[in-house]
PDB file of N, CA and C in Angstrom:
ATOM      1  N   MET A   1       8.866  11.983 -11.940  1.00  0.00           N
ATOM      2  CA  MET A   1       8.487  11.985 -13.342  1.00  0.00           C
ATOM      3  C   MET A   1       9.647  11.514 -14.214  1.00  0.00           C
ATOM      4  N   ARG A   2      10.863  11.906 -13.826  1.00  0.00           N
ATOM      5  CA  ARG A   2      12.016  11.469 -14.634  1.00  0.00           C
ATOM      6  C   ARG A   2      12.131   9.951 -14.646  1.00  0.00           C
ATOM      7  N   MET A   3      11.815   9.314 -13.531  1.00  0.00           N
ATOM      8  CA  MET A   3      11.907   7.848 -13.470  1.00  0.00           C
ATOM      9  C   MET A   3      10.989   7.220 -14.520  1.00  0.00           C
ATOM     10  N   VAL A   4       9.782   7.740 -14.637  1.00  0.00           N
ATOM     11  CA  VAL A   4       8.818   7.224 -15.607  1.00  0.00           C
ATOM     12  C   VAL A   4       9.277   7.534 -17.021  1.00  0.00           C
ATOM     13  N   GLU A   5       9.693   8.772 -17.233  1.00  0.00           N
ATOM     14  CA  GLU A   5      10.086   9.202 -18.571  1.00  0.00           C
ATOM     15  C   GLU A   5      11.322   8.481 -19.089  1.00  0.00           C
ATOM     16  N   GLU A   6      12.251   8.151 -18.211  1.00  0.00           N
ATOM     17  CA  GLU A   6      13.531   7.588 -18.655  1.00  0.00           C
ATOM     18  C   GLU A   6      13.633   6.068 -18.501  1.00  0.00           C
ATOM     19  N   GLN A   7      12.557   5.425 -18.063  1.00  0.00           N
ATOM     20  CA  GLN A   7      12.628   3.974 -17.916  1.00  0.00           C
ATOM     21  C   GLN A   7      12.671   3.293 -19.285  1.00  0.00           C
ATOM     22  N   GLU A   8      13.329   2.161 -19.323  1.00  0.00           N
ATOM     23  CA  GLU A   8      13.381   1.337 -20.530  1.00  0.00           C
ATOM     24  C   GLU A   8      13.157  -0.102 -20.107  1.00  0.00           C
ATOM     25  N   ASN A   9      12.284  -0.803 -20.811  1.00  0.00           N
ATOM     26  CA  ASN A   9      11.961  -2.199 -20.486  1.00  0.00           C
ATOM     27  C   ASN A   9      11.551  -2.329 -19.017  1.00  0.00           C
ATOM     28  N   MET A  10      10.746  -1.358 -18.549  1.00  0.00           N
ATOM     29  CA  MET A  10      10.228  -1.346 -17.176  1.00  0.00           C
ATOM     30  C   MET A  10      11.324  -1.225 -16.117  1.00  0.00           C
ATOM     31  N   ARG A  11      12.489  -0.711 -16.498  1.00  0.00           N
ATOM     32  CA  ARG A  11      13.590  -0.526 -15.551  1.00  0.00           C
ATOM     33  C   ARG A  11      13.947   0.956 -15.487  1.00  0.00           C
ATOM     34  N   VAL A  12      14.152   1.437 -14.266  1.00  0.00           N
ATOM     35  CA  VAL A  12      14.514   2.827 -14.022  1.00  0.00           C
ATOM     36  C   VAL A  12      16.035   2.918 -14.019  1.00  0.00           C
ATOM     37  N   PRO A  13      16.606   3.947 -14.661  1.00  0.00           N
ATOM     38  CA  PRO A  13      18.061   4.104 -14.609  1.00  0.00           C
ATOM     39  C   PRO A  13      18.550   4.176 -13.156  1.00  0.00           C
ATOM     40  N   GLU A  14      19.618   3.462 -12.870  1.00  0.00           N
ATOM     41  CA  GLU A  14      20.111   3.353 -11.493  1.00  0.00           C
ATOM     42  C   GLU A  14      20.385   4.702 -10.838  1.00  0.00           C
ATOM     43  N   GLU A  15      20.848   5.660 -11.613  1.00  0.00           N
ATOM     44  CA  GLU A  15      21.171   6.970 -11.026  1.00  0.00           C
ATOM     45  C   GLU A  15      19.924   7.729 -10.558  1.00  0.00           C
ATOM     46  N   LEU A  16      18.729   7.277 -10.964  1.00  0.00           N
ATOM     47  CA  LEU A  16      17.495   7.925 -10.537  1.00  0.00           C
ATOM     48  C   LEU A  16      16.840   7.247  -9.326  1.00  0.00           C
ATOM     49  N   VAL A  17      17.373   6.103  -8.908  1.00  0.00           N
ATOM     50  CA  VAL A  17      16.822   5.403  -7.750  1.00  0.00           C
ATOM     51  C   VAL A  17      17.257   6.148  -6.488  1.00  0.00           C
ATOM     52  N   PRO A  18      16.296   6.523  -5.628  1.00  0.00           N
ATOM     53  CA  PRO A  18      16.676   7.218  -4.380  1.00  0.00           C
ATOM     54  C   PRO A  18      17.312   6.244  -3.390  1.00  0.00           C
ATOM     55  N   TYR A  19      18.199   6.775  -2.565  1.00  0.00           N
ATOM     56  CA  TYR A  19      18.881   5.972  -1.563  1.00  0.00           C
ATOM     57  C   TYR A  19      18.536   6.466  -0.164  1.00  0.00           C
ATOM     58  N   CYS A  20      18.489   5.556   0.789  1.00  0.00           N
ATOM     59  CA  CYS A  20      18.166   5.881   2.169  1.00  0.00           C
ATOM     60  C   CYS A  20      19.294   6.724   2.771  1.00  0.00           C
ATOM     61  N   PRO A  21      18.951   7.864   3.369  1.00  0.00           N
ATOM     62  CA  PRO A  21      19.993   8.696   3.972  1.00  0.00           C
ATOM     63  C   PRO A  21      20.600   8.072   5.232  1.00  0.00           C
ATOM     64  N   ALA A  22      19.905   7.118   5.850  1.00  0.00           N
ATOM     65  CA  ALA A  22      20.412   6.495   7.077  1.00  0.00           C
ATOM     66  C   ALA A  22      21.372   5.344   6.795  1.00  0.00           C
ATOM     67  N   CYS A  23      20.986   4.435   5.883  1.00  0.00           N
ATOM     68  CA  CYS A  23      21.807   3.236   5.668  1.00  0.00           C
ATOM     69  C   CYS A  23      22.475   3.193   4.296  1.00  0.00           C
ATOM     70  N   GLY A  24      22.040   4.069   3.378  1.00  0.00           N
ATOM     71  CA  GLY A  24      22.647   4.102   2.057  1.00  0.00           C
ATOM     72  C   GLY A  24      22.121   3.068   1.079  1.00  0.00           C
ATOM     73  N   GLU A  25      21.157   2.242   1.493  1.00  0.00           N
ATOM     74  CA  GLU A  25      20.588   1.220   0.612  1.00  0.00           C
ATOM     75  C   GLU A  25      19.577   1.855  -0.349  1.00  0.00           C
ATOM     76  N   PRO A  26      19.379   1.238  -1.521  1.00  0.00           N
ATOM     77  CA  PRO A  26      18.366   1.756  -2.445  1.00  0.00           C
ATOM     78  C   PRO A  26      16.983   1.683  -1.797  1.00  0.00           C
ATOM     79  N   MET A  27      16.192   2.712  -2.012  1.00  0.00           N
ATOM     80  CA  MET A  27      14.841   2.728  -1.470  1.00  0.00           C
ATOM     81  C   MET A  27      13.914   1.976  -2.412  1.00  0.00           C
ATOM     82  N   SER A  28      12.837   1.446  -1.845  1.00  0.00           N
ATOM     83  CA  SER A  28      11.844   0.749  -2.649  1.00  0.00           C
ATOM     84  C   SER A  28      10.468   1.156  -2.160  1.00  0.00           C
ATOM     85  N   MET A  29       9.452   0.805  -2.934  1.00  0.00           N
ATOM     86  CA  MET A  29       8.079   1.122  -2.553  1.00  0.00           C
ATOM     87  C   MET A  29       7.650   0.210  -1.414  1.00  0.00           C
ATOM     88  N   ASN A  30       6.751   0.712  -0.582  1.00  0.00           N
ATOM     89  CA  ASN A  30       6.235  -0.068   0.543  1.00  0.00           C
ATOM     90  C   ASN A  30       5.092  -0.951   0.049  1.00  0.00           C
ATOM     91  N   LEU A  31       5.455  -2.116  -0.460  1.00  0.00           N
ATOM     92  CA  LEU A  31       4.481  -3.050  -1.010  1.00  0.00           C
ATOM     93  C   LEU A  31       4.431  -4.305  -0.163  1.00  0.00           C
ATOM     94  N   ARG A  32       3.254  -4.895  -0.046  1.00  0.00           N
ATOM     95  CA  ARG A  32       3.108  -6.128   0.713  1.00  0.00           C
ATOM     96  C   ARG A  32       3.505  -7.298  -0.191  1.00  0.00           C
ATOM     97  N   CYS A  33       4.808  -7.373  -0.492  1.00  0.00           N
ATOM     98  CA  CYS A  33       5.276  -8.431  -1.389  1.00  0.00           C
ATOM     99  C   CYS A  33       6.448  -9.211  -0.791  1.00  0.00           C
ATOM    100  N   ASP A  34       6.998  -8.721   0.325  1.00  0.00           N
ATOM    101  CA  ASP A  34       8.099  -9.424   0.975  1.00  0.00           C
ATOM    102  C   ASP A  34       8.158  -8.996   2.444  1.00  0.00           C
ATOM    103  N   ASP A  35       9.276  -9.286   3.111  1.00  0.00           N
ATOM    104  CA  ASP A  35       9.372  -8.987   4.543  1.00  0.00           C
ATOM    105  C   ASP A  35       9.760  -7.543   4.842  1.00  0.00           C
ATOM    106  N   THR A  36       9.756  -6.665   3.827  1.00  0.00           N
ATOM    107  CA  THR A  36      10.117  -5.263   4.061  1.00  0.00           C
ATOM    108  C   THR A  36       8.899  -4.358   4.194  1.00  0.00           C
ATOM    109  N   PHE A  37       7.689  -4.896   4.105  1.00  0.00           N
ATOM    110  CA  PHE A  37       6.475  -4.089   4.226  1.00  0.00           C
ATOM    111  C   PHE A  37       6.401  -3.480   5.621  1.00  0.00           C
ATOM    112  N   VAL A  38       6.199  -2.169   5.682  1.00  0.00           N
ATOM    113  CA  VAL A  38       6.177  -1.466   6.964  1.00  0.00           C
ATOM    114  C   VAL A  38       4.751  -1.335   7.479  1.00  0.00           C
ATOM    115  N   GLU A  39       4.512  -1.920   8.632  1.00  0.00           N
ATOM    116  CA  GLU A  39       3.244  -1.757   9.329  1.00  0.00           C
ATOM    117  C   GLU A  39       3.563  -1.042  10.643  1.00  0.00           C
ATOM    118  N   ASP A  40       3.762   0.263  10.556  1.00  0.00           N
ATOM    119  CA  ASP A  40       4.106   1.037  11.744  1.00  0.00           C
ATOM    120  C   ASP A  40       2.857   1.428  12.531  1.00  0.00           C
ATOM    121  N   GLY A  41       3.021   2.226  13.562  1.00  0.00           N
ATOM    122  CA  GLY A  41       1.898   2.632  14.396  1.00  0.00           C
ATOM    123  C   GLY A  41       0.808   3.327  13.609  1.00  0.00           C
ATOM    124  N   SER A  42       1.211   4.187  12.678  1.00  0.00           N
ATOM    125  CA  SER A  42       0.238   4.903  11.850  1.00  0.00           C
ATOM    126  C   SER A  42      -0.564   3.932  10.991  1.00  0.00           C
ATOM    127  N   TRP A  43       0.096   2.940  10.437  1.00  0.00           N
ATOM    128  CA  TRP A  43      -0.591   1.945   9.612  1.00  0.00           C
ATOM    129  C   TRP A  43      -1.626   1.206  10.451  1.00  0.00           C
ATOM    130  N   HIS A  44      -1.234   0.762  11.660  1.00  0.00           N
ATOM    131  CA  HIS A  44      -2.157   0.014  12.524  1.00  0.00           C
ATOM    132  C   HIS A  44      -3.320   0.896  12.971  1.00  0.00           C
ATOM    133  N   GLU A  45      -3.054   2.161  13.276  1.00  0.00           N
ATOM    134  CA  GLU A  45      -4.121   3.087  13.673  1.00  0.00           C
ATOM    135  C   GLU A  45      -5.132   3.255  12.541  1.00  0.00           C
ATOM    136  N   THR A  46      -4.644   3.423  11.330  1.00  0.00           N
ATOM    137  CA  THR A  46      -5.516   3.562  10.168  1.00  0.00           C
ATOM    138  C   THR A  46      -6.321   2.283   9.945  1.00  0.00           C
ATOM    139  N   SER A  47      -5.676   1.151  10.109  1.00  0.00           N
ATOM    140  CA  SER A  47      -6.363  -0.135   9.948  1.00  0.00           C
ATOM    141  C   SER A  47      -7.495  -0.284  10.967  1.00  0.00           C
ATOM    142  N   LEU A  48      -7.241   0.121  12.215  1.00  0.00           N
ATOM    143  CA  LEU A  48      -8.280   0.057  13.248  1.00  0.00           C
ATOM    144  C   LEU A  48      -9.444   0.990  12.933  1.00  0.00           C
ATOM    145  N   ARG A  49      -9.145   2.201  12.435  1.00  0.00           N
ATOM    146  CA  ARG A  49     -10.208   3.143  12.071  1.00  0.00           C
ATOM    147  C   ARG A  49     -11.056   2.575  10.934  1.00  0.00           C
ATOM    148  N   TYR A  50     -10.414   1.939   9.964  1.00  0.00           N
ATOM    149  CA  TYR A  50     -11.146   1.347   8.849  1.00  0.00           C
ATOM    150  C   TYR A  50     -12.029   0.195   9.345  1.00  0.00           C
ATOM    151  N   ALA A  51     -11.473  -0.646  10.210  1.00  0.00           N
ATOM    152  CA  ALA A  51     -12.257  -1.760  10.755  1.00  0.00           C
ATOM    153  C   ALA A  51     -13.460  -1.232  11.540  1.00  0.00           C
ATOM    154  N   GLU A  52     -13.283  -0.133  12.278  1.00  0.00           N
ATOM    155  CA  GLU A  52     -14.392   0.467  13.019  1.00  0.00           C
ATOM    156  C   GLU A  52     -15.435   1.015  12.055  1.00  0.00           C
ATOM    157  N   PHE A  53     -15.014   1.629  10.971  1.00  0.00           N
ATOM    158  CA  PHE A  53     -15.950   2.112   9.946  1.00  0.00           C
ATOM    159  C   PHE A  53     -16.761   0.946   9.380  1.00  0.00           C
ATOM    160  N   ILE A  54     -16.097  -0.141   9.082  1.00  0.00           N
ATOM    161  CA  ILE A  54     -16.776  -1.323   8.546  1.00  0.00           C
ATOM    162  C   ILE A  54     -17.799  -1.837   9.567  1.00  0.00           C
ATOM    163  N   ARG A  55     -17.422  -1.865  10.849  1.00  0.00           N
ATOM    164  CA  ARG A  55     -18.345  -2.321  11.886  1.00  0.00           C
ATOM    165  C   ARG A  55     -19.568  -1.400  11.984  1.00  0.00           C
ATOM    166  N   ARG A  56     -19.337  -0.072  11.974  1.00  0.00           N
ATOM    167  CA  ARG A  56     -20.431   0.893  12.107  1.00  0.00           C
ATOM    168  C   ARG A  56     -21.383   0.858  10.915  1.00  0.00           C
ATOM    169  N   THR A  57     -20.881   0.552   9.743  1.00  0.00           N
ATOM    170  CA  THR A  57     -21.714   0.586   8.543  1.00  0.00           C
ATOM    171  C   THR A  57     -22.261  -0.788   8.167  1.00  0.00           C
ATOM    172  N   SER A  58     -21.984  -1.786   8.982  1.00  0.00           N
ATOM    173  CA  SER A  58     -22.471  -3.138   8.710  1.00  0.00           C
ATOM    174  C   SER A  58     -23.997  -3.124   8.616  1.00  0.00           C
ATOM    175  N   GLY A  59     -24.527  -3.711   7.563  1.00  0.00           N
ATOM    176  CA  GLY A  59     -25.968  -3.771   7.363  1.00  0.00           C
ATOM    177  C   GLY A  59     -26.551  -2.540   6.702  1.00  0.00           C
ATOM    178  N   LYS A  60     -25.726  -1.520   6.480  1.00  0.00           N
ATOM    179  CA  LYS A  60     -26.209  -0.304   5.826  1.00  0.00           C
ATOM    180  C   LYS A  60     -25.836  -0.346   4.352  1.00  0.00           C
ATOM    181  N   LYS A  61     -26.477   0.505   3.581  1.00  0.00           N
ATOM    182  CA  LYS A  61     -26.155   0.599   2.156  1.00  0.00           C
ATOM    183  C   LYS A  61     -24.940   1.504   1.999  1.00  0.00           C
ATOM    184  N   VAL A  62     -23.807   0.899   1.647  1.00  0.00           N
ATOM    185  CA  VAL A  62     -22.555   1.628   1.481  1.00  0.00           C
ATOM    186  C   VAL A  62     -21.924   1.174   0.170  1.00  0.00           C
ATOM    187  N   LEU A  63     -21.473   2.131  -0.604  1.00  0.00           N
ATOM    188  CA  LEU A  63     -20.773   1.813  -1.850  1.00  0.00           C
ATOM    189  C   LEU A  63     -19.282   1.960  -1.605  1.00  0.00           C
ATOM    190  N   PHE A  64     -18.512   0.899  -1.840  1.00  0.00           N
ATOM    191  CA  PHE A  64     -17.070   0.926  -1.673  1.00  0.00           C
ATOM    192  C   PHE A  64     -16.418   1.015  -3.040  1.00  0.00           C
ATOM    193  N   LEU A  65     -15.599   2.010  -3.228  1.00  0.00           N
ATOM    194  CA  LEU A  65     -14.830   2.150  -4.464  1.00  0.00           C
ATOM    195  C   LEU A  65     -13.356   1.953  -4.130  1.00  0.00           C
ATOM    196  N   GLU A  66     -12.754   0.933  -4.687  1.00  0.00           N
ATOM    197  CA  GLU A  66     -11.337   0.691  -4.486  1.00  0.00           C
ATOM    198  C   GLU A  66     -10.629   1.062  -5.776  1.00  0.00           C
ATOM    199  N   LEU A  67     -10.183   2.291  -5.860  1.00  0.00           N
ATOM    200  CA  LEU A  67      -9.550   2.800  -7.071  1.00  0.00           C
ATOM    201  C   LEU A  67      -8.042   2.618  -7.006  1.00  0.00           C
ATOM    202  N   GLY A  68      -7.483   2.068  -8.047  1.00  0.00           N
ATOM    203  CA  GLY A  68      -6.037   1.904  -8.107  1.00  0.00           C
ATOM    204  C   GLY A  68      -5.514   0.820  -7.183  1.00  0.00           C
ATOM    205  N   VAL A  69      -6.360  -0.102  -6.778  1.00  0.00           N
ATOM    206  CA  VAL A  69      -5.961  -1.160  -5.860  1.00  0.00           C
ATOM    207  C   VAL A  69      -5.764  -2.441  -6.660  1.00  0.00           C
ATOM    208  N   GLY A  70      -4.623  -3.072  -6.451  1.00  0.00           N
ATOM    209  CA  GLY A  70      -4.352  -4.331  -7.133  1.00  0.00           C
ATOM    210  C   GLY A  70      -4.837  -5.508  -6.311  1.00  0.00           C
ATOM    211  N   MET A  71      -4.294  -6.662  -6.569  1.00  0.00           N
ATOM    212  CA  MET A  71      -4.718  -7.879  -5.887  1.00  0.00           C
ATOM    213  C   MET A  71      -3.969  -8.101  -4.575  1.00  0.00           C
ATOM    214  N   THR A  72      -2.914  -7.347  -4.299  1.00  0.00           N
ATOM    215  CA  THR A  72      -2.110  -7.570  -3.104  1.00  0.00           C
ATOM    216  C   THR A  72      -2.789  -7.115  -1.825  1.00  0.00           C
ATOM    217  N   PRO A  73      -3.298  -5.874  -1.751  1.00  0.00           N
ATOM    218  CA  PRO A  73      -3.898  -5.428  -0.486  1.00  0.00           C
ATOM    219  C   PRO A  73      -5.221  -6.136  -0.215  1.00  0.00           C
ATOM    220  N   PRO A  74      -5.520  -6.367   1.061  1.00  0.00           N
ATOM    221  CA  PRO A  74      -6.812  -6.984   1.357  1.00  0.00           C
ATOM    222  C   PRO A  74      -7.942  -6.026   1.012  1.00  0.00           C
ATOM    223  N   SER A  75      -8.988  -6.552   0.433  1.00  0.00           N
ATOM    224  CA  SER A  75     -10.124  -5.696   0.064  1.00  0.00           C
ATOM    225  C   SER A  75     -11.088  -5.571   1.232  1.00  0.00           C
ATOM    226  N   SER A  76     -11.997  -4.641   1.128  1.00  0.00           N
ATOM    227  CA  SER A  76     -12.967  -4.448   2.199  1.00  0.00           C
ATOM    228  C   SER A  76     -13.806  -5.702   2.412  1.00  0.00           C
ATOM    229  N   SER A  77     -14.067  -6.464   1.355  1.00  0.00           N
ATOM    230  CA  SER A  77     -14.876  -7.670   1.513  1.00  0.00           C
ATOM    231  C   SER A  77     -14.159  -8.701   2.359  1.00  0.00           C
ATOM    232  N   SER A  78     -12.824  -8.810   2.236  1.00  0.00           N
ATOM    233  CA  SER A  78     -12.109  -9.781   3.061  1.00  0.00           C
ATOM    234  C   SER A  78     -12.017  -9.316   4.506  1.00  0.00           C
ATOM    235  N   ILE A  79     -12.016  -7.997   4.731  1.00  0.00           N
ATOM    236  CA  ILE A  79     -11.987  -7.488   6.098  1.00  0.00           C
ATOM    237  C   ILE A  79     -13.333  -7.756   6.762  1.00  0.00           C
ATOM    238  N   ARG A  80     -14.412  -7.512   6.030  1.00  0.00           N
ATOM    239  CA  ARG A  80     -15.756  -7.742   6.585  1.00  0.00           C
ATOM    240  C   ARG A  80     -15.963  -9.188   6.935  1.00  0.00           C
ATOM    241  N   SER A  81     -15.499 -10.076   6.089  1.00  0.00           N
ATOM    242  CA  SER A  81     -15.763 -11.500   6.321  1.00  0.00           C
ATOM    243  C   SER A  81     -14.732 -12.139   7.242  1.00  0.00           C
ATOM    244  N   GLY A  82     -13.705 -11.384   7.629  1.00  0.00           N
ATOM    245  CA  GLY A  82     -12.700 -11.906   8.545  1.00  0.00           C
ATOM    246  C   GLY A  82     -11.675 -12.807   7.895  1.00  0.00           C
ATOM    247  N   GLU A  83     -11.567 -12.758   6.587  1.00  0.00           N
ATOM    248  CA  GLU A  83     -10.596 -13.611   5.889  1.00  0.00           C
ATOM    249  C   GLU A  83      -9.191 -13.112   6.102  1.00  0.00           C
TER     250      GLU A  83
END
């Protein structure tokens, strides 16, 4: 909350940026915007479960709500169509 409250011009004060305890580098959000995006085992397992859900519900009436999702992550429609 302090990061949000104390930001100016969309910048967080440097002293509020968390640092990695292993390497000491500043931490960042896991966003699919560069080569630092983490797709670990848990991510792949979740992706497979979602793909299986899409396969099982194919042809059925299903409402998909993507709340808080920007343009970066693939949407369910691109997964269904194989894009």
